[in-house]
Structures are given as C-alpha cells and as structure tokens.
Amino acid sequence: MSEAQESHLVPGRECGECTACCVVLLIEDEDFKKPADQACSHMVAKGGCNIYAKRPSVCQNWHCAWRFMAQLGDEWRPDRSGVLLRSDENGIIF
C-alpha cells in the first residue's frame, strides 16, 4: 500500500485476526496460484501473511473498504460480517 493510500486509512483500524481476503481472493500470479474461497497456504493463524513482503500482486492491490471507511462500524470487519468489501477510485465494490 502506498503512503498516499495509507493516509486514507481509518486511524487505529487494523486487520487484526481477520484473514477474509486470504481466503476469498483468487490468485493467479506466475509464481503462485490459489483458487478463490480457499485458505492461502501462506496465511498465518491469528492473522497475517508469512510472505507479506513478497505477496502476490492481487494481495498488494487489495484495499479492504472497512479499513478506509469510517462509517462502517466494527461489526463490518469482514470476519465479523461475512461480507468482504473492496474500495477503489470509483467507490465500493461488493
């Protein structure tokens, strides 16, 4: 995530133990492939990624809307709500 993107994060809002994107996302990078809706083999229990610095581009470019939108309460964190929202320059995409 770029510094400009980080500046738009809701203060104090971290992924924590949420690993919803590590399960839901389809990864089709040249070096690593993972079907959608299957836990990533690099996912760390209690949250995180053991290849974070070299994670696939789809992971690097993922922007969880819950981390950017203050109007979404804590109950909207993906592991609590069961809903994964992505934000981009055009707004929110479900």
Protein backbone atom coordinates (compact mmCIF):
# COMPACT_ATOMS: atom_id res chain seq x y z
CA MET A 1 0.00 0.00 0.00
CA SER A 2 1.36 3.40 -0.93
CA GLU A 3 1.87 6.22 1.55
CA ALA A 4 -0.97 8.13 -0.12
CA GLN A 5 -3.33 5.19 0.38
CA GLU A 6 -2.18 4.72 3.97
CA SER A 7 -3.06 8.34 4.69
CA HIS A 8 -6.72 7.49 3.97
CA LEU A 9 -6.92 4.58 6.42
CA VAL A 10 -9.23 4.95 9.41
CA PRO A 11 -6.88 5.57 12.37
CA GLY A 12 -6.46 2.51 14.56
CA ARG A 13 -8.31 0.22 12.17
CA GLU A 14 -6.15 -2.85 11.57
CA CYS A 15 -6.84 -6.24 10.02
CA GLY A 16 -6.12 -7.93 13.35
CA GLU A 17 -7.10 -11.59 13.18
CA CYS A 18 -9.22 -11.08 10.05
CA THR A 19 -7.99 -13.21 7.14
CA ALA A 20 -11.08 -12.98 4.92
CA CYS A 21 -9.15 -11.68 1.91
CA CYS A 22 -6.62 -14.53 2.35
CA VAL A 23 -9.46 -16.96 1.76
CA VAL A 24 -11.73 -15.20 -0.74
CA LEU A 25 -9.27 -13.81 -3.28
CA LEU A 26 -8.33 -15.70 -6.44
CA ILE A 27 -4.57 -15.60 -7.02
CA GLU A 28 -3.22 -16.33 -10.49
CA ASP A 29 0.30 -14.93 -10.34
CA GLU A 30 3.04 -16.61 -12.33
CA ASP A 31 4.79 -17.77 -9.15
CA PHE A 32 1.76 -18.61 -7.01
CA LYS A 33 -1.79 -19.73 -7.69
CA LYS A 34 -4.71 -20.13 -5.29
CA PRO A 35 -8.38 -20.81 -6.03
CA ALA A 36 -10.98 -18.38 -4.72
CA ASP A 37 -12.69 -19.34 -1.47
CA GLN A 38 -9.78 -21.46 -0.27
CA ALA A 39 -7.38 -20.52 2.52
CA CYS A 40 -4.00 -19.37 1.27
CA SER A 41 -1.11 -21.62 2.22
CA HIS A 42 0.84 -18.52 3.32
CA MET A 43 -1.87 -17.35 5.72
CA VAL A 44 -0.76 -17.20 9.35
CA ALA A 45 -3.16 -18.26 12.11
CA LYS A 46 -4.42 -15.25 14.08
CA GLY A 47 -3.91 -13.04 11.01
CA GLY A 48 -1.08 -12.14 8.73
CA CYS A 49 0.97 -13.48 5.86
CA ASN A 50 4.29 -15.26 6.07
CA ILE A 51 5.34 -13.83 2.67
CA TYR A 52 3.94 -10.33 3.23
CA ALA A 53 6.95 -8.52 1.76
CA LYS A 54 6.74 -10.64 -1.42
CA ARG A 55 3.00 -11.29 -1.52
CA PRO A 56 1.26 -11.63 -4.91
CA SER A 57 0.14 -8.50 -6.75
CA VAL A 58 -3.55 -9.23 -6.16
CA CYS A 59 -2.84 -9.09 -2.41
CA GLN A 60 -0.74 -5.94 -2.71
CA ASN A 61 -3.53 -4.23 -4.63
CA TRP A 62 -6.37 -5.34 -2.34
CA HIS A 63 -7.97 -2.45 -0.44
CA CYS A 64 -10.47 -3.56 2.17
CA ALA A 65 -13.19 -0.90 2.34
CA TRP A 66 -13.66 -1.50 6.07
CA ARG A 67 -10.17 -0.08 6.69
CA PHE A 68 -10.89 3.05 4.62
CA MET A 69 -14.49 3.90 5.51
CA ALA A 70 -15.11 5.27 9.00
CA GLN A 71 -18.88 4.99 8.53
CA LEU A 72 -18.55 1.18 8.54
CA GLY A 73 -18.59 0.17 12.20
CA ASP A 74 -16.52 -2.58 13.79
CA GLU A 75 -19.32 -5.04 13.07
CA TRP A 76 -18.47 -4.62 9.35
CA ARG A 77 -14.96 -6.07 9.69
CA PRO A 78 -15.11 -8.90 7.13
CA ASP A 79 -14.52 -11.76 9.58
CA ARG A 80 -17.40 -10.46 11.72
CA SER A 81 -19.87 -9.51 8.99
CA GLY A 82 -19.16 -12.25 6.47
CA VAL A 83 -19.04 -9.51 3.82
CA LEU A 84 -15.86 -8.53 2.01
CA LEU A 85 -15.94 -5.02 0.55
CA ARG A 86 -13.27 -3.57 -1.70
CA SER A 87 -12.69 0.09 -2.32
CA ASP A 88 -11.18 1.61 -5.43
CA GLU A 89 -11.07 5.03 -7.06
CA ASN A 90 -14.74 4.66 -8.05
CA GLY A 91 -16.05 3.78 -4.59
CA ILE A 92 -17.06 0.45 -3.06
CA ILE A 93 -17.39 -2.83 -4.89
CA PHE A 94 -19.06 -5.78 -3.16
